[in-house]
mmCIF file of all heavy atoms, coordinates in Angstrom:
data_MODEL
# 
_entry.id   MODEL 
# 
loop_
_atom_site.group_PDB 
_atom_site.id 
_atom_site.type_symbol 
_atom_site.label_atom_id 
_atom_site.label_alt_id 
_atom_site.label_comp_id 
_atom_site.label_asym_id 
_atom_site.label_entity_id 
_atom_site.label_seq_id 
_atom_site.pdbx_PDB_ins_code 
_atom_site.Cartn_x 
_atom_site.Cartn_y 
_atom_site.Cartn_z 
_atom_site.occupancy 
_atom_site.B_iso_or_equiv 
_atom_site.pdbx_formal_charge 
_atom_site.auth_seq_id 
_atom_site.auth_comp_id 
_atom_site.auth_asym_id 
_atom_site.auth_atom_id 
_atom_site.pdbx_PDB_model_num 
ATOM 1   N N   . GLU A 1 1  ? -43.379 -47.226 10.032 1.00 0.00 ? 1  GLU A N   1 
ATOM 2   C CA  . GLU A 1 1  ? -43.330 -47.758 11.394 1.00 0.00 ? 1  GLU A CA  1 
ATOM 3   C C   . GLU A 1 1  ? -42.263 -47.013 12.203 1.00 0.00 ? 1  GLU A C   1 
ATOM 4   O O   . GLU A 1 1  ? -41.117 -46.873 11.772 1.00 0.00 ? 1  GLU A O   1 
ATOM 5   C CB  . GLU A 1 1  ? -43.000 -49.247 11.370 1.00 0.00 ? 1  GLU A CB  1 
ATOM 6   C CG  . GLU A 1 1  ? -44.031 -50.102 10.666 1.00 0.00 ? 1  GLU A CG  1 
ATOM 7   C CD  . GLU A 1 1  ? -45.338 -50.155 11.444 1.00 0.00 ? 1  GLU A CD  1 
ATOM 8   O OE1 . GLU A 1 1  ? -45.289 -50.078 12.695 1.00 0.00 ? 1  GLU A OE1 1 
ATOM 9   O OE2 . GLU A 1 1  ? -46.407 -50.264 10.805 1.00 0.00 ? 1  GLU A OE2 1 
ATOM 10  N N   . VAL A 1 2  ? -42.657 -46.529 13.399 1.00 0.00 ? 2  VAL A N   1 
ATOM 11  C CA  . VAL A 1 2  ? -41.727 -45.801 14.257 1.00 0.00 ? 2  VAL A CA  1 
ATOM 12  C C   . VAL A 1 2  ? -41.883 -46.294 15.693 1.00 0.00 ? 2  VAL A C   1 
ATOM 13  O O   . VAL A 1 2  ? -42.991 -46.273 16.247 1.00 0.00 ? 2  VAL A O   1 
ATOM 14  C CB  . VAL A 1 2  ? -41.980 -44.274 14.217 1.00 0.00 ? 2  VAL A CB  1 
ATOM 15  C CG1 . VAL A 1 2  ? -40.877 -43.544 14.985 1.00 0.00 ? 2  VAL A CG1 1 
ATOM 16  C CG2 . VAL A 1 2  ? -42.084 -43.771 12.796 1.00 0.00 ? 2  VAL A CG2 1 
ATOM 17  N N   . ASP A 1 3  ? -40.789 -46.764 16.279 1.00 0.00 ? 3  ASP A N   1 
ATOM 18  C CA  . ASP A 1 3  ? -40.776 -47.186 17.681 1.00 0.00 ? 3  ASP A CA  1 
ATOM 19  C C   . ASP A 1 3  ? -39.608 -46.496 18.380 1.00 0.00 ? 3  ASP A C   1 
ATOM 20  O O   . ASP A 1 3  ? -38.440 -46.725 18.029 1.00 0.00 ? 3  ASP A O   1 
ATOM 21  C CB  . ASP A 1 3  ? -40.604 -48.701 17.803 1.00 0.00 ? 3  ASP A CB  1 
ATOM 22  C CG  . ASP A 1 3  ? -41.829 -49.460 17.322 1.00 0.00 ? 3  ASP A CG  1 
ATOM 23  O OD1 . ASP A 1 3  ? -42.879 -49.324 17.957 1.00 0.00 ? 3  ASP A OD1 1 
ATOM 24  O OD2 . ASP A 1 3  ? -41.719 -50.164 16.296 1.00 0.00 ? 3  ASP A OD2 1 
ATOM 25  N N   . ALA A 1 4  ? -39.934 -45.655 19.375 1.00 0.00 ? 4  ALA A N   1 
ATOM 26  C CA  . ALA A 1 4  ? -38.908 -44.959 20.155 1.00 0.00 ? 4  ALA A CA  1 
ATOM 27  C C   . ALA A 1 4  ? -37.905 -44.260 19.247 1.00 0.00 ? 4  ALA A C   1 
ATOM 28  O O   . ALA A 1 4  ? -36.694 -44.377 19.416 1.00 0.00 ? 4  ALA A O   1 
ATOM 29  C CB  . ALA A 1 4  ? -38.200 -45.922 21.101 1.00 0.00 ? 4  ALA A CB  1 
ATOM 30  N N   . TYR A 1 5  ? -38.431 -43.553 18.268 1.00 0.00 ? 5  TYR A N   1 
ATOM 31  C CA  . TYR A 1 5  ? -37.646 -42.776 17.307 1.00 0.00 ? 5  TYR A CA  1 
ATOM 32  C C   . TYR A 1 5  ? -36.857 -43.634 16.322 1.00 0.00 ? 5  TYR A C   1 
ATOM 33  O O   . TYR A 1 5  ? -35.990 -43.120 15.624 1.00 0.00 ? 5  TYR A O   1 
ATOM 34  C CB  . TYR A 1 5  ? -36.683 -41.811 18.016 1.00 0.00 ? 5  TYR A CB  1 
ATOM 35  C CG  . TYR A 1 5  ? -37.369 -40.843 18.936 1.00 0.00 ? 5  TYR A CG  1 
ATOM 36  C CD1 . TYR A 1 5  ? -37.029 -40.795 20.287 1.00 0.00 ? 5  TYR A CD1 1 
ATOM 37  C CD2 . TYR A 1 5  ? -38.352 -39.977 18.475 1.00 0.00 ? 5  TYR A CD2 1 
ATOM 38  C CE1 . TYR A 1 5  ? -37.657 -39.904 21.156 1.00 0.00 ? 5  TYR A CE1 1 
ATOM 39  C CE2 . TYR A 1 5  ? -38.988 -39.081 19.325 1.00 0.00 ? 5  TYR A CE2 1 
ATOM 40  C CZ  . TYR A 1 5  ? -38.636 -39.060 20.664 1.00 0.00 ? 5  TYR A CZ  1 
ATOM 41  O OH  . TYR A 1 5  ? -39.263 -38.176 21.507 1.00 0.00 ? 5  TYR A OH  1 
ATOM 42  N N   . VAL A 1 6  ? -37.137 -44.908 16.265 1.00 0.00 ? 6  VAL A N   1 
ATOM 43  C CA  . VAL A 1 6  ? -36.498 -45.773 15.268 1.00 0.00 ? 6  VAL A CA  1 
ATOM 44  C C   . VAL A 1 6  ? -37.518 -46.068 14.174 1.00 0.00 ? 6  VAL A C   1 
ATOM 45  O O   . VAL A 1 6  ? -38.581 -46.645 14.430 1.00 0.00 ? 6  VAL A O   1 
ATOM 46  C CB  . VAL A 1 6  ? -35.968 -47.078 15.885 1.00 0.00 ? 6  VAL A CB  1 
ATOM 47  C CG1 . VAL A 1 6  ? -35.395 -47.975 14.786 1.00 0.00 ? 6  VAL A CG1 1 
ATOM 48  C CG2 . VAL A 1 6  ? -34.904 -46.783 16.932 1.00 0.00 ? 6  VAL A CG2 1 
ATOM 49  N N   . TRP A 1 7  ? -37.199 -45.673 12.953 1.00 0.00 ? 7  TRP A N   1 
ATOM 50  C CA  . TRP A 1 7  ? -38.042 -45.871 11.780 1.00 0.00 ? 7  TRP A CA  1 
ATOM 51  C C   . TRP A 1 7  ? -37.604 -47.168 11.106 1.00 0.00 ? 7  TRP A C   1 
ATOM 52  O O   . TRP A 1 7  ? -36.400 -47.390 10.888 1.00 0.00 ? 7  TRP A O   1 
ATOM 53  C CB  . TRP A 1 7  ? -37.889 -44.686 10.826 1.00 0.00 ? 7  TRP A CB  1 
ATOM 54  C CG  . TRP A 1 7  ? -38.181 -43.351 11.451 1.00 0.00 ? 7  TRP A CG  1 
ATOM 55  C CD1 . TRP A 1 7  ? -37.489 -42.735 12.446 1.00 0.00 ? 7  TRP A CD1 1 
ATOM 56  C CD2 . TRP A 1 7  ? -39.260 -42.468 11.118 1.00 0.00 ? 7  TRP A CD2 1 
ATOM 57  N NE1 . TRP A 1 7  ? -38.050 -41.536 12.774 1.00 0.00 ? 7  TRP A NE1 1 
ATOM 58  C CE2 . TRP A 1 7  ? -39.150 -41.334 11.959 1.00 0.00 ? 7  TRP A CE2 1 
ATOM 59  C CE3 . TRP A 1 7  ? -40.302 -42.512 10.192 1.00 0.00 ? 7  TRP A CE3 1 
ATOM 60  C CZ2 . TRP A 1 7  ? -40.030 -40.259 11.898 1.00 0.00 ? 7  TRP A CZ2 1 
ATOM 61  C CZ3 . TRP A 1 7  ? -41.183 -41.442 10.129 1.00 0.00 ? 7  TRP A CZ3 1 
ATOM 62  C CH2 . TRP A 1 7  ? -41.051 -40.335 10.978 1.00 0.00 ? 7  TRP A CH2 1 
ATOM 63  N N   . HIS A 1 8  ? -38.587 -48.015 10.732 1.00 0.00 ? 8  HIS A N   1 
ATOM 64  C CA  . HIS A 1 8  ? -38.166 -49.332 10.248 1.00 0.00 ? 8  HIS A CA  1 
ATOM 65  C C   . HIS A 1 8  ? -39.168 -49.924 9.269  1.00 0.00 ? 8  HIS A C   1 
ATOM 66  O O   . HIS A 1 8  ? -40.352 -49.554 9.234  1.00 0.00 ? 8  HIS A O   1 
ATOM 67  C CB  . HIS A 1 8  ? -37.946 -50.292 11.413 1.00 0.00 ? 8  HIS A CB  1 
ATOM 68  C CG  . HIS A 1 8  ? -39.123 -50.424 12.338 1.00 0.00 ? 8  HIS A CG  1 
ATOM 69  N ND1 . HIS A 1 8  ? -40.114 -51.366 12.167 1.00 0.00 ? 8  HIS A ND1 1 
ATOM 70  C CD2 . HIS A 1 8  ? -39.462 -49.724 13.458 1.00 0.00 ? 8  HIS A CD2 1 
ATOM 71  C CE1 . HIS A 1 8  ? -40.998 -51.257 13.146 1.00 0.00 ? 8  HIS A CE1 1 
ATOM 72  N NE2 . HIS A 1 8  ? -40.639 -50.263 13.941 1.00 0.00 ? 8  HIS A NE2 1 
ATOM 73  N N   . CYS A 1 9  ? -38.683 -50.875 8.462  1.00 0.00 ? 9  CYS A N   1 
ATOM 74  C CA  . CYS A 1 9  ? -39.513 -51.659 7.550  1.00 0.00 ? 9  CYS A CA  1 
ATOM 75  C C   . CYS A 1 9  ? -38.728 -52.885 7.123  1.00 0.00 ? 9  CYS A C   1 
ATOM 76  O O   . CYS A 1 9  ? -37.498 -52.939 7.282  1.00 0.00 ? 9  CYS A O   1 
ATOM 77  C CB  . CYS A 1 9  ? -39.940 -50.844 6.329  1.00 0.00 ? 9  CYS A CB  1 
ATOM 78  S SG  . CYS A 1 9  ? -38.584 -50.404 5.208  1.00 0.00 ? 9  CYS A SG  1 
ATOM 79  N N   . TYR A 1 10 ? -39.445 -53.862 6.589  1.00 0.00 ? 10 TYR A N   1 
ATOM 80  C CA  . TYR A 1 10 ? -38.820 -55.086 6.071  1.00 0.00 ? 10 TYR A CA  1 
ATOM 81  C C   . TYR A 1 10 ? -39.301 -55.283 4.638  1.00 0.00 ? 10 TYR A C   1 
ATOM 82  O O   . TYR A 1 10 ? -40.506 -55.169 4.356  1.00 0.00 ? 10 TYR A O   1 
ATOM 83  C CB  . TYR A 1 10 ? -39.206 -56.295 6.920  1.00 0.00 ? 10 TYR A CB  1 
ATOM 84  C CG  . TYR A 1 10 ? -38.625 -57.614 6.429  1.00 0.00 ? 10 TYR A CG  1 
ATOM 85  C CD1 . TYR A 1 10 ? -37.422 -58.090 6.917  1.00 0.00 ? 10 TYR A CD1 1 
ATOM 86  C CD2 . TYR A 1 10 ? -39.300 -58.376 5.465  1.00 0.00 ? 10 TYR A CD2 1 
ATOM 87  C CE1 . TYR A 1 10 ? -36.894 -59.307 6.472  1.00 0.00 ? 10 TYR A CE1 1 
ATOM 88  C CE2 . TYR A 1 10 ? -38.786 -59.576 5.006  1.00 0.00 ? 10 TYR A CE2 1 
ATOM 89  C CZ  . TYR A 1 10 ? -37.570 -60.032 5.517  1.00 0.00 ? 10 TYR A CZ  1 
ATOM 90  O OH  . TYR A 1 10 ? -37.049 -61.217 5.067  1.00 0.00 ? 10 TYR A OH  1 
ATOM 91  N N   . ILE A 1 11 ? -38.361 -55.578 3.727  1.00 0.00 ? 11 ILE A N   1 
ATOM 92  C CA  . ILE A 1 11 ? -38.733 -55.768 2.322  1.00 0.00 ? 11 ILE A CA  1 
ATOM 93  C C   . ILE A 1 11 ? -38.256 -57.146 1.864  1.00 0.00 ? 11 ILE A C   1 
ATOM 94  O O   . ILE A 1 11 ? -37.039 -57.391 1.776  1.00 0.00 ? 11 ILE A O   1 
ATOM 95  C CB  . ILE A 1 11 ? -38.115 -54.677 1.429  1.00 0.00 ? 11 ILE A CB  1 
ATOM 96  C CG1 . ILE A 1 11 ? -38.495 -53.288 1.951  1.00 0.00 ? 11 ILE A CG1 1 
ATOM 97  C CG2 . ILE A 1 11 ? -38.581 -54.845 -0.012 1.00 0.00 ? 11 ILE A CG2 1 
ATOM 98  C CD1 . ILE A 1 11 ? -37.906 -52.156 1.154  1.00 0.00 ? 11 ILE A CD1 1 
ATOM 99  N N   . PRO A 1 12 ? -39.191 -58.057 1.595  1.00 0.00 ? 12 PRO A N   1 
ATOM 100 C CA  . PRO A 1 12 ? -38.798 -59.375 1.076  1.00 0.00 ? 12 PRO A CA  1 
ATOM 101 C C   . PRO A 1 12 ? -38.098 -59.224 -0.275 1.00 0.00 ? 12 PRO A C   1 
ATOM 102 O O   . PRO A 1 12 ? -38.427 -58.345 -1.081 1.00 0.00 ? 12 PRO A O   1 
ATOM 103 C CB  . PRO A 1 12 ? -40.137 -60.106 0.923  1.00 0.00 ? 12 PRO A CB  1 
ATOM 104 C CG  . PRO A 1 12 ? -41.092 -59.368 1.801  1.00 0.00 ? 12 PRO A CG  1 
ATOM 105 C CD  . PRO A 1 12 ? -40.647 -57.944 1.772  1.00 0.00 ? 12 PRO A CD  1 
ATOM 106 N N   . GLY A 1 13 ? -37.106 -60.086 -0.509 1.00 0.00 ? 13 GLY A N   1 
ATOM 107 C CA  . GLY A 1 13 ? -36.443 -60.126 -1.806 1.00 0.00 ? 13 GLY A CA  1 
ATOM 108 C C   . GLY A 1 13 ? -35.275 -59.168 -1.958 1.00 0.00 ? 13 GLY A C   1 
ATOM 109 O O   . GLY A 1 13 ? -34.549 -59.251 -2.951 1.00 0.00 ? 13 GLY A O   1 
ATOM 110 N N   . ILE A 1 14 ? -35.085 -58.270 -1.036 1.00 0.00 ? 14 ILE A N   1 
ATOM 111 C CA  . ILE A 1 14 ? -33.920 -57.371 -1.112 1.00 0.00 ? 14 ILE A CA  1 
ATOM 112 C C   . ILE A 1 14 ? -32.702 -58.140 -0.631 1.00 0.00 ? 14 ILE A C   1 
ATOM 113 O O   . ILE A 1 14 ? -32.657 -58.616 0.507  1.00 0.00 ? 14 ILE A O   1 
ATOM 114 C CB  . ILE A 1 14 ? -34.128 -56.105 -0.258 1.00 0.00 ? 14 ILE A CB  1 
ATOM 115 C CG1 . ILE A 1 14 ? -35.300 -55.306 -0.802 1.00 0.00 ? 14 ILE A CG1 1 
ATOM 116 C CG2 . ILE A 1 14 ? -32.865 -55.258 -0.230 1.00 0.00 ? 14 ILE A CG2 1 
ATOM 117 C CD1 . ILE A 1 14 ? -35.088 -54.778 -2.207 1.00 0.00 ? 14 ILE A CD1 1 
ATOM 118 N N   . ARG A 1 15 ? -31.716 -58.229 -1.513 1.00 0.00 ? 15 ARG A N   1 
ATOM 119 C CA  . ARG A 1 15 ? -30.595 -59.124 -1.277 1.00 0.00 ? 15 ARG A CA  1 
ATOM 120 C C   . ARG A 1 15 ? -29.281 -58.361 -1.153 1.00 0.00 ? 15 ARG A C   1 
ATOM 121 O O   . ARG A 1 15 ? -29.210 -57.152 -1.443 1.00 0.00 ? 15 ARG A O   1 
ATOM 122 C CB  . ARG A 1 15 ? -30.506 -60.148 -2.410 1.00 0.00 ? 15 ARG A CB  1 
ATOM 123 C CG  . ARG A 1 15 ? -31.801 -60.923 -2.652 1.00 0.00 ? 15 ARG A CG  1 
ATOM 124 C CD  . ARG A 1 15 ? -31.626 -62.020 -3.679 1.00 0.00 ? 15 ARG A CD  1 
ATOM 125 N NE  . ARG A 1 15 ? -30.633 -62.991 -3.257 1.00 0.00 ? 15 ARG A NE  1 
ATOM 126 C CZ  . ARG A 1 15 ? -30.866 -63.965 -2.384 1.00 0.00 ? 15 ARG A CZ  1 
ATOM 127 N NH1 . ARG A 1 15 ? -32.059 -64.084 -1.822 1.00 0.00 ? 15 ARG A NH1 1 
ATOM 128 N NH2 . ARG A 1 15 ? -29.909 -64.817 -2.060 1.00 0.00 ? 15 ARG A NH2 1 
ATOM 129 N N   . PRO A 1 16 ? -28.211 -59.045 -0.720 1.00 0.00 ? 16 PRO A N   1 
ATOM 130 C CA  . PRO A 1 16 ? -26.903 -58.401 -0.650 1.00 0.00 ? 16 PRO A CA  1 
ATOM 131 C C   . PRO A 1 16 ? -26.499 -57.798 -1.989 1.00 0.00 ? 16 PRO A C   1 
ATOM 132 O O   . PRO A 1 16 ? -26.767 -58.368 -3.050 1.00 0.00 ? 16 PRO A O   1 
ATOM 133 C CB  . PRO A 1 16 ? -25.972 -59.549 -0.246 1.00 0.00 ? 16 PRO A CB  1 
ATOM 134 C CG  . PRO A 1 16 ? -26.843 -60.487 0.526  1.00 0.00 ? 16 PRO A CG  1 
ATOM 135 C CD  . PRO A 1 16 ? -28.181 -60.423 -0.158 1.00 0.00 ? 16 PRO A CD  1 
ATOM 136 N N   . GLY A 1 17 ? -25.855 -56.652 -1.927 1.00 0.00 ? 17 GLY A N   1 
ATOM 137 C CA  . GLY A 1 17 ? -25.460 -55.926 -3.120 1.00 0.00 ? 17 GLY A CA  1 
ATOM 138 C C   . GLY A 1 17 ? -26.399 -54.786 -3.454 1.00 0.00 ? 17 GLY A C   1 
ATOM 139 O O   . GLY A 1 17 ? -26.075 -53.931 -4.284 1.00 0.00 ? 17 GLY A O   1 
ATOM 140 N N   . GLN A 1 18 ? -27.586 -54.755 -2.812 1.00 0.00 ? 18 GLN A N   1 
ATOM 141 C CA  . GLN A 1 18 ? -28.558 -53.680 -3.053 1.00 0.00 ? 18 GLN A CA  1 
ATOM 142 C C   . GLN A 1 18 ? -28.011 -52.350 -2.532 1.00 0.00 ? 18 GLN A C   1 
ATOM 143 O O   . GLN A 1 18 ? -27.569 -52.239 -1.393 1.00 0.00 ? 18 GLN A O   1 
ATOM 144 C CB  . GLN A 1 18 ? -29.875 -54.001 -2.358 1.00 0.00 ? 18 GLN A CB  1 
ATOM 145 C CG  . GLN A 1 18 ? -30.900 -52.877 -2.399 1.00 0.00 ? 18 GLN A CG  1 
ATOM 146 C CD  . GLN A 1 18 ? -31.397 -52.586 -3.806 1.00 0.00 ? 18 GLN A CD  1 
ATOM 147 O OE1 . GLN A 1 18 ? -31.880 -53.490 -4.487 1.00 0.00 ? 18 GLN A OE1 1 
ATOM 148 N NE2 . GLN A 1 18 ? -31.273 -51.337 -4.255 1.00 0.00 ? 18 GLN A NE2 1 
ATOM 149 N N   . ARG A 1 19 ? -28.059 -51.323 -3.364 1.00 0.00 ? 19 ARG A N   1 
ATOM 150 C CA  . ARG A 1 19 ? -27.656 -49.980 -2.955 1.00 0.00 ? 19 ARG A CA  1 
ATOM 151 C C   . ARG A 1 19 ? -28.863 -49.245 -2.370 1.00 0.00 ? 19 ARG A C   1 
ATOM 152 O O   . ARG A 1 19 ? -29.979 -49.370 -2.892 1.00 0.00 ? 19 ARG A O   1 
ATOM 153 C CB  . ARG A 1 19 ? -27.098 -49.198 -4.143 1.00 0.00 ? 19 ARG A CB  1 
ATOM 154 C CG  . ARG A 1 19 ? -25.900 -49.882 -4.781 1.00 0.00 ? 19 ARG A CG  1 
ATOM 155 C CD  . ARG A 1 19 ? -25.197 -48.988 -5.774 1.00 0.00 ? 19 ARG A CD  1 
ATOM 156 N NE  . ARG A 1 19 ? -26.017 -48.692 -6.943 1.00 0.00 ? 19 ARG A NE  1 
ATOM 157 C CZ  . ARG A 1 19 ? -25.576 -47.992 -7.993 1.00 0.00 ? 19 ARG A CZ  1 
ATOM 158 N NH1 . ARG A 1 19 ? -24.344 -47.500 -7.992 1.00 0.00 ? 19 ARG A NH1 1 
ATOM 159 N NH2 . ARG A 1 19 ? -26.365 -47.781 -9.030 1.00 0.00 ? 19 ARG A NH2 1 
ATOM 160 N N   . TYR A 1 20 ? -28.596 -48.464 -1.314 1.00 0.00 ? 20 TYR A N   1 
ATOM 161 C CA  . TYR A 1 20 ? -29.702 -47.743 -0.690 1.00 0.00 ? 20 TYR A CA  1 
ATOM 162 C C   . TYR A 1 20 ? -29.193 -46.495 0.044  1.00 0.00 ? 20 TYR A C   1 
ATOM 163 O O   . TYR A 1 20 ? -27.996 -46.305 0.255  1.00 0.00 ? 20 TYR A O   1 
ATOM 164 C CB  . TYR A 1 20 ? -30.471 -48.649 0.285  1.00 0.00 ? 20 TYR A CB  1 
ATOM 165 C CG  . TYR A 1 20 ? -29.735 -48.977 1.579  1.00 0.00 ? 20 TYR A CG  1 
ATOM 166 C CD1 . TYR A 1 20 ? -30.007 -48.278 2.754  1.00 0.00 ? 20 TYR A CD1 1 
ATOM 167 C CD2 . TYR A 1 20 ? -28.778 -49.995 1.628  1.00 0.00 ? 20 TYR A CD2 1 
ATOM 168 C CE1 . TYR A 1 20 ? -29.351 -48.575 3.937  1.00 0.00 ? 20 TYR A CE1 1 
ATOM 169 C CE2 . TYR A 1 20 ? -28.122 -50.300 2.804  1.00 0.00 ? 20 TYR A CE2 1 
ATOM 170 C CZ  . TYR A 1 20 ? -28.399 -49.585 3.957  1.00 0.00 ? 20 TYR A CZ  1 
ATOM 171 O OH  . TYR A 1 20 ? -27.746 -49.876 5.120  1.00 0.00 ? 20 TYR A OH  1 
ATOM 172 N N   . GLY A 1 21 ? -30.120 -45.643 0.413  1.00 0.00 ? 21 GLY A N   1 
ATOM 173 C CA  . GLY A 1 21 ? -29.845 -44.459 1.210  1.00 0.00 ? 21 GLY A CA  1 
ATOM 174 C C   . GLY A 1 21 ? -31.143 -44.001 1.848  1.00 0.00 ? 21 GLY A C   1 
ATOM 175 O O   . GLY A 1 21 ? -32.192 -44.650 1.709  1.00 0.00 ? 21 GLY A O   1 
ATOM 176 N N   . PHE A 1 22 ? -31.081 -42.896 2.560  1.00 0.00 ? 22 PHE A N   1 
ATOM 177 C CA  . PHE A 1 22 ? -32.275 -42.362 3.220  1.00 0.00 ? 22 PHE A CA  1 
ATOM 178 C C   . PHE A 1 22 ? -32.439 -40.883 2.879  1.00 0.00 ? 22 PHE A C   1 
ATOM 179 O O   . PHE A 1 22 ? -31.467 -40.149 2.702  1.00 0.00 ? 22 PHE A O   1 
ATOM 180 C CB  . PHE A 1 22 ? -32.172 -42.508 4.741  1.00 0.00 ? 22 PHE A CB  1 
ATOM 181 C CG  . PHE A 1 22 ? -32.121 -43.934 5.214  1.00 0.00 ? 22 PHE A CG  1 
ATOM 182 C CD1 . PHE A 1 22 ? -30.927 -44.516 5.624  1.00 0.00 ? 22 PHE A CD1 1 
ATOM 183 C CD2 . PHE A 1 22 ? -33.275 -44.701 5.267  1.00 0.00 ? 22 PHE A CD2 1 
ATOM 184 C CE1 . PHE A 1 22 ? -30.878 -45.824 6.069  1.00 0.00 ? 22 PHE A CE1 1 
ATOM 185 C CE2 . PHE A 1 22 ? -33.238 -46.018 5.709  1.00 0.00 ? 22 PHE A CE2 1 
ATOM 186 C CZ  . PHE A 1 22 ? -32.034 -46.583 6.102  1.00 0.00 ? 22 PHE A CZ  1 
ATOM 187 N N   . ARG A 1 23 ? -33.685 -40.451 2.812  1.00 0.00 ? 23 ARG A N   1 
ATOM 188 C CA  . ARG A 1 23 ? -34.013 -39.027 2.741  1.00 0.00 ? 23 ARG A CA  1 
ATOM 189 C C   . ARG A 1 23 ? -34.837 -38.701 3.981  1.00 0.00 ? 23 ARG A C   1 
ATOM 190 O O   . ARG A 1 23 ? -35.885 -39.315 4.216  1.00 0.00 ? 23 ARG A O   1 
ATOM 191 C CB  . ARG A 1 23 ? -34.763 -38.690 1.453  1.00 0.00 ? 23 ARG A CB  1 
ATOM 192 C CG  . ARG A 1 23 ? -33.930 -38.918 0.184  1.00 0.00 ? 23 ARG A CG  1 
ATOM 193 C CD  . ARG A 1 23 ? -34.632 -38.399 -1.060 1.00 0.00 ? 23 ARG A CD  1 
ATOM 194 N NE  . ARG A 1 23 ? -33.893 -38.742 -2.267 1.00 0.00 ? 23 ARG A NE  1 
ATOM 195 C CZ  . ARG A 1 23 ? -32.913 -38.003 -2.791 1.00 0.00 ? 23 ARG A CZ  1 
ATOM 196 N NH1 . ARG A 1 23 ? -32.563 -36.860 -2.201 1.00 0.00 ? 23 ARG A NH1 1 
ATOM 197 N NH2 . ARG A 1 23 ? -32.302 -38.387 -3.902 1.00 0.00 ? 23 ARG A NH2 1 
ATOM 198 N N   . VAL A 1 24 ? -34.351 -37.749 4.760  1.00 0.00 ? 24 VAL A N   1 
ATOM 199 C CA  . VAL A 1 24 ? -34.972 -37.435 6.043  1.00 0.00 ? 24 VAL A CA  1 
ATOM 200 C C   . VAL A 1 24 ? -35.646 -36.071 5.958  1.00 0.00 ? 24 VAL A C   1 
ATOM 201 O O   . VAL A 1 24 ? -34.991 -35.049 5.713  1.00 0.00 ? 24 VAL A O   1 
ATOM 202 C CB  . VAL A 1 24 ? -33.930 -37.446 7.179  1.00 0.00 ? 24 VAL A CB  1 
ATOM 203 C CG1 . VAL A 1 24 ? -34.584 -37.050 8.502  1.00 0.00 ? 24 VAL A CG1 1 
ATOM 204 C CG2 . VAL A 1 24 ? -33.290 -38.834 7.294  1.00 0.00 ? 24 VAL A CG2 1 
# 
């Protein structure tokens, strides 16, 4: 999903403490 150059998604169940990053 991309709106005005903002890429986004929602993932149920992902909670605080989850490690993440991006590959562009």
